[in-house]
PDB file of N, CA and C in Angstrom:
ATOM      1  N   MET A   1      -2.423  22.414   4.284  1.00  0.00           N
ATOM      2  CA  MET A   1      -2.802  21.257   5.074  1.00  0.00           C
ATOM      3  C   MET A   1      -4.310  21.246   5.243  1.00  0.00           C
ATOM      4  N   ALA A   2      -4.929  20.114   4.978  1.00  0.00           N
ATOM      5  CA  ALA A   2      -6.378  19.988   5.098  1.00  0.00           C
ATOM      6  C   ALA A   2      -6.756  19.785   6.562  1.00  0.00           C
ATOM      7  N   GLY A   3      -7.800  20.443   6.963  1.00  0.00           N
ATOM      8  CA  GLY A   3      -8.299  20.309   8.326  1.00  0.00           C
ATOM      9  C   GLY A   3      -9.659  19.654   8.319  1.00  0.00           C
ATOM     10  N   PRO A   4     -10.269  19.480   9.496  1.00  0.00           N
ATOM     11  CA  PRO A   4     -11.592  18.874   9.573  1.00  0.00           C
ATOM     12  C   PRO A   4     -12.589  19.649   8.711  1.00  0.00           C
ATOM     13  N   GLY A   5     -13.362  18.935   7.916  1.00  0.00           N
ATOM     14  CA  GLY A   5     -14.344  19.566   7.053  1.00  0.00           C
ATOM     15  C   GLY A   5     -13.803  20.000   5.710  1.00  0.00           C
ATOM     16  N   ASP A   6     -12.472  20.012   5.559  1.00  0.00           N
ATOM     17  CA  ASP A   6     -11.866  20.359   4.274  1.00  0.00           C
ATOM     18  C   ASP A   6     -11.872  19.117   3.381  1.00  0.00           C
ATOM     19  N   HIS A   7     -11.905  19.344   2.083  1.00  0.00           N
ATOM     20  CA  HIS A   7     -11.891  18.245   1.128  1.00  0.00           C
ATOM     21  C   HIS A   7     -10.546  18.206   0.420  1.00  0.00           C
ATOM     22  N   GLU A   8      -9.981  17.021   0.337  1.00  0.00           N
ATOM     23  CA  GLU A   8      -8.741  16.819  -0.400  1.00  0.00           C
ATOM     24  C   GLU A   8      -9.075  15.932  -1.592  1.00  0.00           C
ATOM     25  N   ILE A   9      -8.610  16.291  -2.750  1.00  0.00           N
ATOM     26  CA  ILE A   9      -8.891  15.517  -3.948  1.00  0.00           C
ATOM     27  C   ILE A   9      -7.784  14.491  -4.147  1.00  0.00           C
ATOM     28  N   LEU A  10      -8.190  13.214  -4.212  1.00  0.00           N
ATOM     29  CA  LEU A  10      -7.266  12.126  -4.495  1.00  0.00           C
ATOM     30  C   LEU A  10      -7.365  11.787  -5.972  1.00  0.00           C
ATOM     31  N   HIS A  11      -6.255  11.418  -6.548  1.00  0.00           N
ATOM     32  CA  HIS A  11      -6.237  10.981  -7.940  1.00  0.00           C
ATOM     33  C   HIS A  11      -6.066   9.465  -7.922  1.00  0.00           C
ATOM     34  N   PRO A  12      -7.176   8.718  -8.089  1.00  0.00           N
ATOM     35  CA  PRO A  12      -7.121   7.266  -7.914  1.00  0.00           C
ATOM     36  C   PRO A  12      -6.400   6.538  -9.042  1.00  0.00           C
ATOM     37  N   GLU A  13      -5.610   5.574  -8.635  1.00  0.00           N
ATOM     38  CA  GLU A  13      -4.983   4.645  -9.571  1.00  0.00           C
ATOM     39  C   GLU A  13      -5.849   3.388  -9.660  1.00  0.00           C
ATOM     40  N   ILE A  14      -6.396   2.971  -8.494  1.00  0.00           N
ATOM     41  CA  ILE A  14      -7.247   1.787  -8.401  1.00  0.00           C
ATOM     42  C   ILE A  14      -8.429   2.115  -7.494  1.00  0.00           C
ATOM     43  N   VAL A  15      -9.628   1.714  -7.903  1.00  0.00           N
ATOM     44  CA  VAL A  15     -10.820   1.816  -7.062  1.00  0.00           C
ATOM     45  C   VAL A  15     -11.496   0.449  -7.070  1.00  0.00           C
ATOM     46  N   LEU A  16     -11.675  -0.127  -5.874  1.00  0.00           N
ATOM     47  CA  LEU A  16     -12.362  -1.405  -5.724  1.00  0.00           C
ATOM     48  C   LEU A  16     -13.687  -1.136  -5.025  1.00  0.00           C
ATOM     49  N   GLY A  17     -14.809  -1.421  -5.689  1.00  0.00           N
ATOM     50  CA  GLY A  17     -16.126  -1.156  -5.118  1.00  0.00           C
ATOM     51  C   GLY A  17     -16.740  -2.404  -4.509  1.00  0.00           C
ATOM     52  N   PHE A  18     -17.395  -2.236  -3.359  1.00  0.00           N
ATOM     53  CA  PHE A  18     -18.038  -3.336  -2.635  1.00  0.00           C
ATOM     54  C   PHE A  18     -19.390  -2.864  -2.097  1.00  0.00           C
ATOM     55  N   HIS A  19     -20.442  -2.887  -2.909  1.00  0.00           N
ATOM     56  CA  HIS A  19     -21.804  -2.566  -2.465  1.00  0.00           C
ATOM     57  C   HIS A  19     -21.882  -1.251  -1.682  1.00  0.00           C
ATOM     58  N   GLY A  20     -21.439  -0.178  -2.259  1.00  0.00           N
ATOM     59  CA  GLY A  20     -21.528   1.133  -1.624  1.00  0.00           C
ATOM     60  C   GLY A  20     -20.281   1.541  -0.862  1.00  0.00           C
ATOM     61  N   LEU A  21     -19.422   0.583  -0.527  1.00  0.00           N
ATOM     62  CA  LEU A  21     -18.127   0.893   0.078  1.00  0.00           C
ATOM     63  C   LEU A  21     -17.057   0.734  -0.993  1.00  0.00           C
ATOM     64  N   CYS A  22     -15.924   1.371  -0.795  1.00  0.00           N
ATOM     65  CA  CYS A  22     -14.838   1.210  -1.758  1.00  0.00           C
ATOM     66  C   CYS A  22     -13.492   1.351  -1.068  1.00  0.00           C
ATOM     67  N   LEU A  23     -12.481   0.826  -1.745  1.00  0.00           N
ATOM     68  CA  LEU A  23     -11.092   1.016  -1.362  1.00  0.00           C
ATOM     69  C   LEU A  23     -10.419   1.739  -2.520  1.00  0.00           C
ATOM     70  N   VAL A  24      -9.649   2.772  -2.207  1.00  0.00           N
ATOM     71  CA  VAL A  24      -9.018   3.607  -3.219  1.00  0.00           C
ATOM     72  C   VAL A  24      -7.519   3.624  -2.990  1.00  0.00           C
ATOM     73  N   LYS A  25      -6.751   3.373  -4.047  1.00  0.00           N
ATOM     74  CA  LYS A  25      -5.293   3.476  -4.044  1.00  0.00           C
ATOM     75  C   LYS A  25      -4.941   4.664  -4.919  1.00  0.00           C
ATOM     76  N   PRO A  26      -4.537   5.793  -4.324  1.00  0.00           N
ATOM     77  CA  PRO A  26      -4.183   6.968  -5.115  1.00  0.00           C
ATOM     78  C   PRO A  26      -2.849   6.784  -5.863  1.00  0.00           C
ATOM     79  N   VAL A  27      -2.705   7.535  -6.929  1.00  0.00           N
ATOM     80  CA  VAL A  27      -1.446   7.587  -7.676  1.00  0.00           C
ATOM     81  C   VAL A  27      -0.380   8.179  -6.750  1.00  0.00           C
ATOM     82  N   HIS A  28       0.815   7.651  -6.773  1.00  0.00           N
ATOM     83  CA  HIS A  28       1.965   8.145  -5.992  1.00  0.00           C
ATOM     84  C   HIS A  28       1.718   8.129  -4.488  1.00  0.00           C
ATOM     85  N   ASP A  29       0.944   7.147  -3.994  1.00  0.00           N
ATOM     86  CA  ASP A  29       0.662   7.020  -2.558  1.00  0.00           C
ATOM     87  C   ASP A  29       0.560   5.532  -2.267  1.00  0.00           C
ATOM     88  N   ASP A  30       1.243   5.050  -1.253  1.00  0.00           N
ATOM     89  CA  ASP A  30       1.206   3.629  -0.916  1.00  0.00           C
ATOM     90  C   ASP A  30       0.028   3.260  -0.026  1.00  0.00           C
ATOM     91  N   ASP A  31      -0.664   4.253   0.530  1.00  0.00           N
ATOM     92  CA  ASP A  31      -1.804   3.982   1.402  1.00  0.00           C
ATOM     93  C   ASP A  31      -3.041   3.618   0.583  1.00  0.00           C
ATOM     94  N   TRP A  32      -3.966   2.906   1.233  1.00  0.00           N
ATOM     95  CA  TRP A  32      -5.282   2.594   0.689  1.00  0.00           C
ATOM     96  C   TRP A  32      -6.303   3.308   1.564  1.00  0.00           C
ATOM     97  N   TYR A  33      -7.349   3.847   0.948  1.00  0.00           N
ATOM     98  CA  TYR A  33      -8.373   4.598   1.666  1.00  0.00           C
ATOM     99  C   TYR A  33      -9.718   3.906   1.515  1.00  0.00           C
ATOM    100  N   MET A  34     -10.465   3.814   2.619  1.00  0.00           N
ATOM    101  CA  MET A  34     -11.809   3.264   2.588  1.00  0.00           C
ATOM    102  C   MET A  34     -12.797   4.417   2.572  1.00  0.00           C
ATOM    103  N   GLY A  35     -13.896   4.203   1.855  1.00  0.00           N
ATOM    104  CA  GLY A  35     -14.901   5.242   1.816  1.00  0.00           C
ATOM    105  C   GLY A  35     -16.204   4.767   1.214  1.00  0.00           C
ATOM    106  N   SER A  36     -17.091   5.710   0.987  1.00  0.00           N
ATOM    107  CA  SER A  36     -18.383   5.446   0.353  1.00  0.00           C
ATOM    108  C   SER A  36     -18.264   5.738  -1.132  1.00  0.00           C
ATOM    109  N   LEU A  37     -18.839   4.868  -1.942  1.00  0.00           N
ATOM    110  CA  LEU A  37     -18.885   5.043  -3.389  1.00  0.00           C
ATOM    111  C   LEU A  37     -20.321   5.370  -3.765  1.00  0.00           C
ATOM    112  N   TYR A  38     -20.539   6.536  -4.329  1.00  0.00           N
ATOM    113  CA  TYR A  38     -21.885   7.005  -4.651  1.00  0.00           C
ATOM    114  C   TYR A  38     -22.229   6.715  -6.105  1.00  0.00           C
ATOM    115  N   ASP A  39     -23.530   6.721  -6.413  1.00  0.00           N
ATOM    116  CA  ASP A  39     -24.025   6.398  -7.753  1.00  0.00           C
ATOM    117  C   ASP A  39     -23.443   7.300  -8.834  1.00  0.00           C
ATOM    118  N   ASP A  40     -23.098   8.543  -8.488  1.00  0.00           N
ATOM    119  CA  ASP A  40     -22.548   9.468  -9.491  1.00  0.00           C
ATOM    120  C   ASP A  40     -21.038   9.281  -9.699  1.00  0.00           C
ATOM    121  N   GLY A  41     -20.452   8.288  -9.013  1.00  0.00           N
ATOM    122  CA  GLY A  41     -19.025   8.000  -9.149  1.00  0.00           C
ATOM    123  C   GLY A  41     -18.139   8.727  -8.165  1.00  0.00           C
ATOM    124  N   SER A  42     -18.728   9.606  -7.356  1.00  0.00           N
ATOM    125  CA  SER A  42     -17.928  10.314  -6.352  1.00  0.00           C
ATOM    126  C   SER A  42     -17.647   9.397  -5.163  1.00  0.00           C
ATOM    127  N   ILE A  43     -16.606   9.742  -4.441  1.00  0.00           N
ATOM    128  CA  ILE A  43     -16.147   8.930  -3.313  1.00  0.00           C
ATOM    129  C   ILE A  43     -15.893   9.834  -2.117  1.00  0.00           C
ATOM    130  N   ASP A  44     -16.298   9.378  -0.948  1.00  0.00           N
ATOM    131  CA  ASP A  44     -16.033  10.088   0.305  1.00  0.00           C
ATOM    132  C   ASP A  44     -15.207   9.146   1.177  1.00  0.00           C
ATOM    133  N   CYS A  45     -13.904   9.404   1.301  1.00  0.00           N
ATOM    134  CA  CYS A  45     -13.006   8.536   2.074  1.00  0.00           C
ATOM    135  C   CYS A  45     -12.917   9.010   3.517  1.00  0.00           C
ATOM    136  N   TRP A  46     -12.824   8.069   4.446  1.00  0.00           N
ATOM    137  CA  TRP A  46     -12.726   8.437   5.853  1.00  0.00           C
ATOM    138  C   TRP A  46     -11.639   7.690   6.623  1.00  0.00           C
ATOM    139  N   THR A  47     -11.068   6.640   6.067  1.00  0.00           N
ATOM    140  CA  THR A  47     -10.056   5.873   6.788  1.00  0.00           C
ATOM    141  C   THR A  47      -8.903   5.515   5.853  1.00  0.00           C
ATOM    142  N   ALA A  48      -7.672   5.608   6.349  1.00  0.00           N
ATOM    143  CA  ALA A  48      -6.492   5.217   5.574  1.00  0.00           C
ATOM    144  C   ALA A  48      -5.867   3.966   6.185  1.00  0.00           C
ATOM    145  N   TYR A  49      -5.354   3.116   5.315  1.00  0.00           N
ATOM    146  CA  TYR A  49      -4.670   1.890   5.727  1.00  0.00           C
ATOM    147  C   TYR A  49      -3.304   1.843   5.067  1.00  0.00           C
ATOM    148  N   ASP A  50      -2.361   1.185   5.732  1.00  0.00           N
ATOM    149  CA  ASP A  50      -0.987   1.091   5.223  1.00  0.00           C
ATOM    150  C   ASP A  50      -0.850   0.191   4.010  1.00  0.00           C
ATOM    151  N   ASP A  51      -1.735  -0.827   3.897  1.00  0.00           N
ATOM    152  CA  ASP A  51      -1.624  -1.748   2.767  1.00  0.00           C
ATOM    153  C   ASP A  51      -2.993  -2.348   2.439  1.00  0.00           C
ATOM    154  N   LEU A  52      -3.067  -3.014   1.298  1.00  0.00           N
ATOM    155  CA  LEU A  52      -4.333  -3.583   0.831  1.00  0.00           C
ATOM    156  C   LEU A  52      -4.857  -4.642   1.790  1.00  0.00           C
ATOM    157  N   TYR A  53      -3.995  -5.459   2.343  1.00  0.00           N
ATOM    158  CA  TYR A  53      -4.417  -6.509   3.276  1.00  0.00           C
ATOM    159  C   TYR A  53      -5.194  -5.909   4.448  1.00  0.00           C
ATOM    160  N   GLU A  54      -4.649  -4.873   5.072  1.00  0.00           N
ATOM    161  CA  GLU A  54      -5.316  -4.242   6.210  1.00  0.00           C
ATOM    162  C   GLU A  54      -6.616  -3.565   5.770  1.00  0.00           C
ATOM    163  N   ALA A  55      -6.611  -2.962   4.591  1.00  0.00           N
ATOM    164  CA  ALA A  55      -7.818  -2.305   4.086  1.00  0.00           C
ATOM    165  C   ALA A  55      -8.929  -3.333   3.853  1.00  0.00           C
ATOM    166  N   LEU A  56      -8.599  -4.477   3.270  1.00  0.00           N
ATOM    167  CA  LEU A  56      -9.590  -5.524   3.055  1.00  0.00           C
ATOM    168  C   LEU A  56     -10.122  -6.066   4.383  1.00  0.00           C
ATOM    169  N   ARG A  57      -9.261  -6.189   5.357  1.00  0.00           N
ATOM    170  CA  ARG A  57      -9.713  -6.632   6.691  1.00  0.00           C
ATOM    171  C   ARG A  57     -10.660  -5.614   7.311  1.00  0.00           C
ATOM    172  N   GLY A  58     -10.475  -4.331   6.980  1.00  0.00           N
ATOM    173  CA  GLY A  58     -11.313  -3.268   7.522  1.00  0.00           C
ATOM    174  C   GLY A  58     -12.727  -3.259   6.941  1.00  0.00           C
ATOM    175  N   LEU A  59     -12.903  -3.917   5.805  1.00  0.00           N
ATOM    176  CA  LEU A  59     -14.238  -3.972   5.210  1.00  0.00           C
ATOM    177  C   LEU A  59     -15.140  -4.792   6.095  1.00  0.00           C
TER     178      LEU A  59
END
């Protein structure tokens, strides 16, 4: 189980980028995650949403 400060690797099925922010839909997971999209292609996610609609509203 990951705790605060631990990193969990997500395997993205879909990544939607929006000027430095992104929404990520992992493989085999119905949740969407919001995070920062960096120039090197790495992503730092901090919030999970139940569906794409809620994730888009969170932007």
